[in-house]
């Protein structure tokens, strides 16, 4: 038990640069206080003293602003930073070296008994205000961005942001994309850039909406090229076939940086708009 407490205190120094000494951490960190209360309450819960465990957890919530059901299972070196407003449900399971920030909810979406709350595997980081709702698994080393709402499983190493949660970074491609060749150097650079982010998100985080739009534009460009090839083939087969010009695309409809233009094959428009 003493070794476990030491590990819990040590985890604070590893993940909070504001921590200065053991006495300060032990006396002023509500996240640590809530965790120590929970260790005792969970022991009482497993011994069948459920009312006493709930009563103690209620006192812990009043003192720390953090609500952890005594039935929740929490691993080693768990760290709650700031802590106010954190809610962890009865059937939640949390692995080792997990970090939660204030306002996080590990909740359920059903009134049925049984497994109702999420499982967070080792090394997961959950940003402030995020809501993880349902009996699914958040994979090892995943990052959940601030204020995200997650209602389905998250693969290991992924970074998820938004409402509903969207994956914006993966450590490995999904199974359907397994045949894609990804440069290991690029992957290593991305992992270094997105390393540990205090709130599960960084300044260089990809925009999932922009990523979707780029994908649509790429697809439209491919379709246009294919249609052009079909028209040329028809014209060769039948000289009476008339090729009609497509409507002209105005450069004013695209951003000044020409980024989207380049994605859909309109580099010339992008250059004219940027003056290059």
C-alpha atoms as a PDB file:
ATOM      1  CA  UNK A   1       0.000   0.000   0.000  1.00  0.00           C
ATOM      2  CA  UNK A   2       2.814   2.417   0.897  1.00  0.00           C
ATOM      3  CA  UNK A   3       4.608   1.540  -2.347  1.00  0.00           C
ATOM      4  CA  UNK A   4       1.403   2.252  -4.281  1.00  0.00           C
ATOM      5  CA  UNK A   5       1.063   5.675  -2.625  1.00  0.00           C
ATOM      6  CA  UNK A   6       4.684   6.474  -3.488  1.00  0.00           C
ATOM      7  CA  UNK A   7       4.036   5.552  -7.113  1.00  0.00           C
ATOM      8  CA  UNK A   8       0.952   7.777  -7.180  1.00  0.00           C
ATOM      9  CA  UNK A   9       2.936  10.722  -5.796  1.00  0.00           C
ATOM     10  CA  UNK A  10       5.844  10.126  -8.168  1.00  0.00           C
ATOM     11  CA  UNK A  11       3.473  10.211 -11.146  1.00  0.00           C
ATOM     12  CA  UNK A  12       2.551  13.788 -10.226  1.00  0.00           C
ATOM     13  CA  UNK A  13       6.173  14.941 -10.573  1.00  0.00           C
ATOM     14  CA  UNK A  14       6.460  13.193 -13.947  1.00  0.00           C
ATOM     15  CA  UNK A  15       3.381  14.923 -15.426  1.00  0.00           C
ATOM     16  CA  UNK A  16       3.087  18.292 -13.655  1.00  0.00           C
ATOM     17  CA  UNK A  17       6.042  20.713 -13.849  1.00  0.00           C
ATOM     18  CA  UNK A  18       4.405  22.854 -11.151  1.00  0.00           C
ATOM     19  CA  UNK A  19       5.003  20.166  -8.518  1.00  0.00           C
ATOM     20  CA  UNK A  20       7.940  21.174  -6.291  1.00  0.00           C
ATOM     21  CA  UNK A  21       8.175  18.716  -3.380  1.00  0.00           C
ATOM     22  CA  UNK A  22       6.468  15.717  -1.825  1.00  0.00           C
ATOM     23  CA  UNK A  23       4.888  17.664   1.043  1.00  0.00           C
ATOM     24  CA  UNK A  24       3.274  20.140  -1.339  1.00  0.00           C
ATOM     25  CA  UNK A  25       1.922  17.374  -3.565  1.00  0.00           C
ATOM     26  CA  UNK A  26       0.610  15.330  -0.651  1.00  0.00           C
ATOM     27  CA  UNK A  27      -1.186  18.276   0.963  1.00  0.00           C
ATOM     28  CA  UNK A  28      -2.432  20.428  -1.949  1.00  0.00           C
ATOM     29  CA  UNK A  29      -3.291  18.164  -4.906  1.00  0.00           C
ATOM     30  CA  UNK A  30      -7.016  17.262  -4.932  1.00  0.00           C
ATOM     31  CA  UNK A  31      -6.492  14.686  -7.684  1.00  0.00           C
ATOM     32  CA  UNK A  32      -4.104  12.780  -5.437  1.00  0.00           C
ATOM     33  CA  UNK A  33      -6.454  13.110  -2.457  1.00  0.00           C
ATOM     34  CA  UNK A  34      -9.361  11.716  -4.513  1.00  0.00           C
ATOM     35  CA  UNK A  35      -7.203   8.803  -5.670  1.00  0.00           C
ATOM     36  CA  UNK A  36      -6.074   7.952  -2.126  1.00  0.00           C
ATOM     37  CA  UNK A  37      -9.688   8.080  -0.935  1.00  0.00           C
ATOM     38  CA  UNK A  38     -10.648   5.797  -3.807  1.00  0.00           C
ATOM     39  CA  UNK A  39      -7.966   3.235  -2.963  1.00  0.00           C
ATOM     40  CA  UNK A  40      -9.544   2.897   0.500  1.00  0.00           C
ATOM     41  CA  UNK A  41     -13.131   3.007  -0.778  1.00  0.00           C
ATOM     42  CA  UNK A  42     -12.465   0.356  -3.428  1.00  0.00           C
ATOM     43  CA  UNK A  43     -11.005  -1.927  -0.744  1.00  0.00           C
ATOM     44  CA  UNK A  44     -14.146  -1.448   1.379  1.00  0.00           C
ATOM     45  CA  UNK A  45     -16.338  -2.085  -1.695  1.00  0.00           C
ATOM     46  CA  UNK A  46     -14.607  -5.387  -2.422  1.00  0.00           C
ATOM     47  CA  UNK A  47     -14.996  -6.424   1.233  1.00  0.00           C
ATOM     48  CA  UNK A  48     -18.756  -6.010   0.961  1.00  0.00           C
ATOM     49  CA  UNK A  49     -18.941  -2.750   2.952  1.00  0.00           C
ATOM     50  CA  UNK A  50     -20.687  -0.997   0.080  1.00  0.00           C
ATOM     51  CA  UNK A  51     -22.640   1.615   2.062  1.00  0.00           C
ATOM     52  CA  UNK A  52     -19.522   2.700   3.931  1.00  0.00           C
ATOM     53  CA  UNK A  53     -17.587   2.864   0.660  1.00  0.00           C
ATOM     54  CA  UNK A  54     -20.301   5.061  -0.933  1.00  0.00           C
ATOM     55  CA  UNK A  55     -20.458   7.284   2.156  1.00  0.00           C
ATOM     56  CA  UNK A  56     -16.683   7.778   2.085  1.00  0.00           C
ATOM     57  CA  UNK A  57     -16.740   8.496  -1.662  1.00  0.00           C
ATOM     58  CA  UNK A  58     -19.389  11.172  -1.052  1.00  0.00           C
ATOM     59  CA  UNK A  59     -17.096  12.882   1.465  1.00  0.00           C
ATOM     60  CA  UNK A  60     -14.270  12.640  -1.036  1.00  0.00           C
ATOM     61  CA  UNK A  61     -16.423  14.367  -3.668  1.00  0.00           C
ATOM     62  CA  UNK A  62     -17.265  17.197  -1.257  1.00  0.00           C
ATOM     63  CA  UNK A  63     -13.618  17.699  -0.368  1.00  0.00           C
ATOM     64  CA  UNK A  64     -12.051  17.397  -3.823  1.00  0.00           C
ATOM     65  CA  UNK A  65     -14.766  18.058  -6.416  1.00  0.00           C
ATOM     66  CA  UNK A  66     -13.947  14.674  -7.979  1.00  0.00           C
ATOM     67  CA  UNK A  67     -16.491  11.849  -8.032  1.00  0.00           C
ATOM     68  CA  UNK A  68     -15.129   8.320  -8.319  1.00  0.00           C
ATOM     69  CA  UNK A  69     -17.468   5.411  -7.714  1.00  0.00           C
ATOM     70  CA  UNK A  70     -15.841   2.938  -5.315  1.00  0.00           C
ATOM     71  CA  UNK A  71     -16.551   0.112  -7.760  1.00  0.00           C
ATOM     72  CA  UNK A  72     -14.310   1.610 -10.469  1.00  0.00           C
ATOM     73  CA  UNK A  73     -10.999  -0.166 -11.085  1.00  0.00           C
ATOM     74  CA  UNK A  74      -7.926   2.069 -11.293  1.00  0.00           C
ATOM     75  CA  UNK A  75      -4.373   0.996 -12.093  1.00  0.00           C
ATOM     76  CA  UNK A  76      -0.994   2.301 -11.034  1.00  0.00           C
ATOM     77  CA  UNK A  77       0.326   5.882 -11.390  1.00  0.00           C
ATOM     78  CA  UNK A  78      -3.080   7.334 -12.235  1.00  0.00           C
ATOM     79  CA  UNK A  79      -2.997  11.154 -12.365  1.00  0.00           C
ATOM     80  CA  UNK A  80      -5.895  13.619 -12.266  1.00  0.00           C
ATOM     81  CA  UNK A  81      -4.652  17.171 -12.942  1.00  0.00           C
ATOM     82  CA  UNK A  82      -6.716  20.056 -11.481  1.00  0.00           C
ATOM     83  CA  UNK A  83      -9.537  17.563 -11.052  1.00  0.00           C
ATOM     84  CA  UNK A  84     -12.672  19.645 -10.495  1.00  0.00           C
ATOM     85  CA  UNK A  85     -15.706  18.077 -12.152  1.00  0.00           C
ATOM     86  CA  UNK A  86     -14.187  14.677 -12.966  1.00  0.00           C
ATOM     87  CA  UNK A  87     -16.747  11.837 -12.837  1.00  0.00           C
ATOM     88  CA  UNK A  88     -15.788   8.154 -13.039  1.00  0.00           C
ATOM     89  CA  UNK A  89     -18.587   5.585 -13.120  1.00  0.00           C
ATOM     90  CA  UNK A  90     -18.971   2.284 -11.310  1.00  0.00           C
ATOM     91  CA  UNK A  91     -17.886  -0.118 -14.063  1.00  0.00           C
ATOM     92  CA  UNK A  92     -15.108   2.072 -15.475  1.00  0.00           C
ATOM     93  CA  UNK A  93     -11.687   0.436 -15.738  1.00  0.00           C
ATOM     94  CA  UNK A  94      -8.486   2.486 -15.930  1.00  0.00           C
ATOM     95  CA  UNK A  95      -5.054   1.060 -16.718  1.00  0.00           C
ATOM     96  CA  UNK A  96      -1.614   2.201 -15.634  1.00  0.00           C
ATOM     97  CA  UNK A  97      -0.109   5.673 -16.329  1.00  0.00           C
ATOM     98  CA  UNK A  98      -3.438   7.213 -17.376  1.00  0.00           C
ATOM     99  CA  UNK A  99      -3.917  11.013 -17.178  1.00  0.00           C
ATOM    100  CA  UNK A 100      -7.241  12.840 -16.836  1.00  0.00           C
ATOM    101  CA  UNK A 101      -7.805  16.598 -16.750  1.00  0.00           C
ATOM    102  CA  UNK A 102     -10.640  18.562 -15.165  1.00  0.00           C
ATOM    103  CA  UNK A 103     -14.217  18.107 -16.335  1.00  0.00           C
ATOM    104  CA  UNK A 104     -13.690  14.600 -17.731  1.00  0.00           C
ATOM    105  CA  UNK A 105     -16.603  12.158 -17.572  1.00  0.00           C
ATOM    106  CA  UNK A 106     -16.258   8.390 -17.882  1.00  0.00           C
ATOM    107  CA  UNK A 107     -19.967   7.702 -18.083  1.00  0.00           C
ATOM    108  CA  UNK A 108     -22.556   5.216 -19.234  1.00  0.00           C
ATOM    109  CA  UNK A 109     -25.302   5.395 -21.850  1.00  0.00           C
ATOM    110  CA  UNK A 110     -27.581   2.721 -20.413  1.00  0.00           C
ATOM    111  CA  UNK A 111     -29.557   2.091 -17.240  1.00  0.00           C
ATOM    112  CA  UNK A 112     -29.011  -1.655 -17.567  1.00  0.00           C
ATOM    113  CA  UNK A 113     -26.864  -3.393 -14.999  1.00  0.00           C
ATOM    114  CA  UNK A 114     -23.505  -4.791 -16.016  1.00  0.00           C
ATOM    115  CA  UNK A 115     -20.661  -3.125 -17.885  1.00  0.00           C
ATOM    116  CA  UNK A 116     -21.818   0.432 -18.702  1.00  0.00           C
ATOM    117  CA  UNK A 117     -18.667   2.566 -18.565  1.00  0.00           C
ATOM    118  CA  UNK A 118     -15.508   2.738 -20.688  1.00  0.00           C
ATOM    119  CA  UNK A 119     -12.198   0.959 -20.267  1.00  0.00           C
ATOM    120  CA  UNK A 120      -9.060   3.086 -20.622  1.00  0.00           C
ATOM    121  CA  UNK A 121      -5.938   1.088 -21.368  1.00  0.00           C
ATOM    122  CA  UNK A 122      -2.402   2.024 -20.270  1.00  0.00           C
ATOM    123  CA  UNK A 123      -1.041   5.477 -21.102  1.00  0.00           C
ATOM    124  CA  UNK A 124      -4.289   7.110 -22.227  1.00  0.00           C
ATOM    125  CA  UNK A 125      -4.520  10.925 -21.964  1.00  0.00           C
ATOM    126  CA  UNK A 126      -7.955  12.574 -21.734  1.00  0.00           C
ATOM    127  CA  UNK A 127      -8.142  16.351 -22.198  1.00  0.00           C
ATOM    128  CA  UNK A 128     -10.227  18.796 -20.173  1.00  0.00           C
ATOM    129  CA  UNK A 129     -13.985  18.527 -20.567  1.00  0.00           C
ATOM    130  CA  UNK A 130     -13.930  15.333 -22.645  1.00  0.00           C
ATOM    131  CA  UNK A 131     -16.797  12.868 -22.317  1.00  0.00           C
ATOM    132  CA  UNK A 132     -16.209   9.157 -22.890  1.00  0.00           C
ATOM    133  CA  UNK A 133     -19.579   7.430 -22.804  1.00  0.00           C
ATOM    134  CA  UNK A 134     -20.275   3.730 -23.120  1.00  0.00           C
ATOM    135  CA  UNK A 135     -18.837   0.259 -22.448  1.00  0.00           C
ATOM    136  CA  UNK A 136     -16.026   0.263 -25.020  1.00  0.00           C
ATOM    137  CA  UNK A 137     -12.225   0.337 -24.977  1.00  0.00           C
ATOM    138  CA  UNK A 138      -9.952   3.328 -25.484  1.00  0.00           C
ATOM    139  CA  UNK A 139      -6.743   1.731 -26.735  1.00  0.00           C
ATOM    140  CA  UNK A 140      -3.305   1.911 -25.207  1.00  0.00           C
ATOM    141  CA  UNK A 141      -1.593   5.296 -25.612  1.00  0.00           C
ATOM    142  CA  UNK A 142      -4.615   7.016 -27.185  1.00  0.00           C
ATOM    143  CA  UNK A 143      -5.201  10.764 -26.714  1.00  0.00           C
ATOM    144  CA  UNK A 144      -8.643  12.339 -26.355  1.00  0.00           C
ATOM    145  CA  UNK A 145      -8.763  16.065 -27.144  1.00  0.00           C
ATOM    146  CA  UNK A 146     -10.384  18.662 -24.907  1.00  0.00           C
ATOM    147  CA  UNK A 147     -14.212  18.725 -24.990  1.00  0.00           C
ATOM    148  CA  UNK A 148     -14.394  15.717 -27.314  1.00  0.00           C
ATOM    149  CA  UNK A 149     -17.385  13.375 -27.006  1.00  0.00           C
ATOM    150  CA  UNK A 150     -16.435   9.735 -27.581  1.00  0.00           C
ATOM    151  CA  UNK A 151     -19.126   7.084 -28.007  1.00  0.00           C
ATOM    152  CA  UNK A 152     -17.236   4.271 -29.752  1.00  0.00           C
ATOM    153  CA  UNK A 153     -13.967   2.386 -29.412  1.00  0.00           C
ATOM    154  CA  UNK A 154     -10.680   4.204 -30.018  1.00  0.00           C
ATOM    155  CA  UNK A 155      -7.742   2.249 -31.533  1.00  0.00           C
ATOM    156  CA  UNK A 156      -4.383   2.191 -29.729  1.00  0.00           C
ATOM    157  CA  UNK A 157      -2.215   5.259 -30.277  1.00  0.00           C
ATOM    158  CA  UNK A 158      -4.941   7.303 -31.987  1.00  0.00           C
ATOM    159  CA  UNK A 159      -5.734  10.959 -31.289  1.00  0.00           C
ATOM    160  CA  UNK A 160      -9.437  11.830 -31.281  1.00  0.00           C
ATOM    161  CA  UNK A 161     -11.032  15.295 -31.277  1.00  0.00           C
ATOM    162  CA  UNK A 162     -14.431  16.877 -31.873  1.00  0.00           C
ATOM    163  CA  UNK A 163     -18.134  16.149 -31.362  1.00  0.00           C
ATOM    164  CA  UNK A 164     -18.677  13.371 -32.205  1.00  0.00           C
ATOM    165  CA  UNK A 165     -15.086  12.234 -31.816  1.00  0.00           C
ATOM    166  CA  UNK A 166     -13.059  11.868 -35.022  1.00  0.00           C
ATOM    167  CA  UNK A 167      -9.678  10.241 -35.374  1.00  0.00           C
ATOM    168  CA  UNK A 168      -7.159  12.806 -36.653  1.00  0.00           C
ATOM    169  CA  UNK A 169      -3.946  10.886 -36.035  1.00  0.00           C
ATOM    170  CA  UNK A 170      -3.142   7.191 -35.902  1.00  0.00           C
ATOM    171  CA  UNK A 171      -0.071   5.295 -34.860  1.00  0.00           C
ATOM    172  CA  UNK A 172      -0.898   2.654 -37.485  1.00  0.00           C
ATOM    173  CA  UNK A 173      -3.405   2.501 -40.375  1.00  0.00           C
ATOM    174  CA  UNK A 174      -6.693   0.629 -40.020  1.00  0.00           C
ATOM    175  CA  UNK A 175      -6.914  -2.953 -41.285  1.00  0.00           C
ATOM    176  CA  UNK A 176      -8.644  -1.991 -44.590  1.00  0.00           C
ATOM    177  CA  UNK A 177      -5.729   0.362 -45.290  1.00  0.00           C
ATOM    178  CA  UNK A 178      -3.018  -2.085 -44.283  1.00  0.00           C
ATOM    179  CA  UNK A 179      -1.675  -2.270 -47.815  1.00  0.00           C
ATOM    180  CA  UNK A 180      -0.786   1.428 -47.810  1.00  0.00           C
ATOM    181  CA  UNK A 181       2.932   2.131 -47.553  1.00  0.00           C
ATOM    182  CA  UNK A 182       3.671   4.731 -44.874  1.00  0.00           C
ATOM    183  CA  UNK A 183       7.157   6.130 -44.568  1.00  0.00           C
ATOM    184  CA  UNK A 184       8.476   5.127 -41.094  1.00  0.00           C
ATOM    185  CA  UNK A 185      10.456   8.384 -40.935  1.00  0.00           C
ATOM    186  CA  UNK A 186       7.263  10.413 -41.434  1.00  0.00           C
ATOM    187  CA  UNK A 187       5.454   8.402 -38.796  1.00  0.00           C
ATOM    188  CA  UNK A 188       8.316   8.883 -36.323  1.00  0.00           C
ATOM    189  CA  UNK A 189       8.337  12.624 -37.000  1.00  0.00           C
ATOM    190  CA  UNK A 190       4.588  12.818 -36.382  1.00  0.00           C
ATOM    191  CA  UNK A 191       4.871  10.881 -33.139  1.00  0.00           C
ATOM    192  CA  UNK A 192       7.658  13.194 -31.995  1.00  0.00           C
ATOM    193  CA  UNK A 193       5.671  16.309 -32.889  1.00  0.00           C
ATOM    194  CA  UNK A 194       2.477  15.076 -31.244  1.00  0.00           C
ATOM    195  CA  UNK A 195       4.253  13.394 -28.281  1.00  0.00           C
ATOM    196  CA  UNK A 196       2.744  14.150 -24.871  1.00  0.00           C
ATOM    197  CA  UNK A 197       0.124  16.876 -25.159  1.00  0.00           C
ATOM    198  CA  UNK A 198      -1.259  18.100 -21.873  1.00  0.00           C
ATOM    199  CA  UNK A 199      -4.841  18.305 -23.103  1.00  0.00           C
ATOM    200  CA  UNK A 200      -4.692  15.591 -25.761  1.00  0.00           C
ATOM    201  CA  UNK A 201      -4.295  18.128 -28.582  1.00  0.00           C
ATOM    202  CA  UNK A 202      -1.513  20.286 -30.020  1.00  0.00           C
ATOM    203  CA  UNK A 203      -1.186  23.445 -32.104  1.00  0.00           C
ATOM    204  CA  UNK A 204      -0.344  21.409 -35.213  1.00  0.00           C
ATOM    205  CA  UNK A 205      -3.277  19.012 -34.856  1.00  0.00           C
ATOM    206  CA  UNK A 206      -4.857  18.209 -38.242  1.00  0.00           C
ATOM    207  CA  UNK A 207      -8.368  19.575 -38.855  1.00  0.00           C
ATOM    208  CA  UNK A 208     -10.701  16.607 -39.487  1.00  0.00           C
ATOM    209  CA  UNK A 209     -13.189  18.729 -41.466  1.00  0.00           C
ATOM    210  CA  UNK A 210     -10.455  20.082 -43.767  1.00  0.00           C
ATOM    211  CA  UNK A 211      -9.144  16.541 -44.174  1.00  0.00           C
ATOM    212  CA  UNK A 212     -12.600  15.364 -45.301  1.00  0.00           C
ATOM    213  CA  UNK A 213     -12.935  18.250 -47.768  1.00  0.00           C
ATOM    214  CA  UNK A 214      -9.514  17.478 -49.247  1.00  0.00           C
ATOM    215  CA  UNK A 215     -10.563  13.874 -49.716  1.00  0.00           C
ATOM    216  CA  UNK A 216     -13.734  14.931 -51.538  1.00  0.00           C
ATOM    217  CA  UNK A 217     -11.806  17.316 -53.781  1.00  0.00           C
ATOM    218  CA  UNK A 218      -9.278  14.626 -54.653  1.00  0.00           C
ATOM    219  CA  UNK A 219     -12.132  12.294 -55.548  1.00  0.00           C
ATOM    220  CA  UNK A 220     -13.873  14.961 -57.674  1.00  0.00           C
ATOM    221  CA  UNK A 221     -10.650  15.630 -59.561  1.00  0.00           C
ATOM    222  CA  UNK A 222     -10.193  11.914 -60.276  1.00  0.00           C
ATOM    223  CA  UNK A 223     -13.807  11.667 -61.521  1.00  0.00           C
ATOM    224  CA  UNK A 224     -13.345  14.714 -63.789  1.00  0.00           C
ATOM    225  CA  UNK A 225     -10.228  13.199 -65.330  1.00  0.00           C
ATOM    226  CA  UNK A 226     -11.991   9.901 -65.912  1.00  0.00           C
ATOM    227  CA  UNK A 227     -14.977  11.632 -67.508  1.00  0.00           C
ATOM    228  CA  UNK A 228     -12.632  13.573 -69.798  1.00  0.00           C
ATOM    229  CA  UNK A 229     -11.016  10.331 -70.931  1.00  0.00           C
ATOM    230  CA  UNK A 230     -14.446   8.799 -71.623  1.00  0.00           C
ATOM    231  CA  UNK A 231     -15.487  11.840 -73.694  1.00  0.00           C
ATOM    232  CA  UNK A 232     -12.290  11.638 -75.758  1.00  0.00           C
ATOM    233  CA  UNK A 233     -12.843   7.928 -76.415  1.00  0.00           C
ATOM    234  CA  UNK A 234     -16.445   8.569 -77.516  1.00  0.00           C
ATOM    235  CA  UNK A 235     -15.309  11.347 -79.828  1.00  0.00           C
ATOM    236  CA  UNK A 236     -12.796   8.999 -81.484  1.00  0.00           C
ATOM    237  CA  UNK A 237     -15.499   6.388 -81.988  1.00  0.00           C
ATOM    238  CA  UNK A 238     -18.126   8.846 -83.254  1.00  0.00           C
ATOM    239  CA  UNK A 239     -16.990  12.094 -84.843  1.00  0.00           C
ATOM    240  CA  UNK A 240     -20.526  13.462 -84.413  1.00  0.00           C
ATOM    241  CA  UNK A 241     -20.183  13.298 -80.650  1.00  0.00           C
ATOM    242  CA  UNK A 242     -19.929  16.841 -79.361  1.00  0.00           C
ATOM    243  CA  UNK A 243     -17.633  17.736 -76.514  1.00  0.00           C
ATOM    244  CA  UNK A 244     -19.061  20.551 -74.426  1.00  0.00           C
ATOM    245  CA  UNK A 245     -16.901  22.817 -72.318  1.00  0.00           C
ATOM    246  CA  UNK A 246     -17.276  22.627 -68.566  1.00  0.00           C
ATOM    247  CA  UNK A 247     -18.216  25.834 -66.712  1.00  0.00           C
ATOM    248  CA  UNK A 248     -15.196  27.970 -65.868  1.00  0.00           C
ATOM    249  CA  UNK A 249     -14.105  27.879 -62.243  1.00  0.00           C
ATOM    250  CA  UNK A 250     -13.481  31.287 -60.735  1.00  0.00           C
ATOM    251  CA  UNK A 251     -10.376  31.784 -58.664  1.00  0.00           C
ATOM    252  CA  UNK A 252     -12.324  33.946 -56.176  1.00  0.00           C
ATOM    253  CA  UNK A 253     -14.078  30.821 -54.954  1.00  0.00           C
ATOM    254  CA  UNK A 254     -10.833  29.457 -53.509  1.00  0.00           C
ATOM    255  CA  UNK A 255      -8.625  30.596 -50.590  1.00  0.00           C
ATOM    256  CA  UNK A 256      -5.694  32.891 -51.237  1.00  0.00           C
ATOM    257  CA  UNK A 257      -3.083  30.325 -50.279  1.00  0.00           C
ATOM    258  CA  UNK A 258      -4.056  28.069 -53.170  1.00  0.00           C
ATOM    259  CA  UNK A 259      -3.847  25.009 -50.903  1.00  0.00           C
ATOM    260  CA  UNK A 260      -7.223  23.556 -51.812  1.00  0.00           C
ATOM    261  CA  UNK A 261      -6.718  24.541 -55.466  1.00  0.00           C
ATOM    262  CA  UNK A 262      -3.619  22.393 -55.654  1.00  0.00           C
ATOM    263  CA  UNK A 263      -5.492  19.479 -54.130  1.00  0.00           C
ATOM    264  CA  UNK A 264      -8.164  19.493 -56.850  1.00  0.00           C
ATOM    265  CA  UNK A 265      -5.782  20.088 -59.741  1.00  0.00           C
ATOM    266  CA  UNK A 266      -6.331  23.837 -60.046  1.00  0.00           C
ATOM    267  CA  UNK A 267      -2.770  24.902 -59.330  1.00  0.00           C
ATOM    268  CA  UNK A 268      -2.931  27.633 -61.951  1.00  0.00           C
ATOM    269  CA  UNK A 269      -5.786  29.376 -60.166  1.00  0.00           C
ATOM    270  CA  UNK A 270      -3.919  29.144 -56.886  1.00  0.00           C
ATOM    271  CA  UNK A 271      -0.841  30.724 -58.466  1.00  0.00           C
ATOM    272  CA  UNK A 272      -2.879  33.574 -59.971  1.00  0.00           C
ATOM    273  CA  UNK A 273      -4.537  34.324 -56.642  1.00  0.00           C
ATOM    274  CA  UNK A 274      -1.243  34.302 -54.749  1.00  0.00           C
ATOM    275  CA  UNK A 275       0.494  36.426 -57.395  1.00  0.00           C
ATOM    276  CA  UNK A 276       3.130  33.788 -58.154  1.00  0.00           C
END
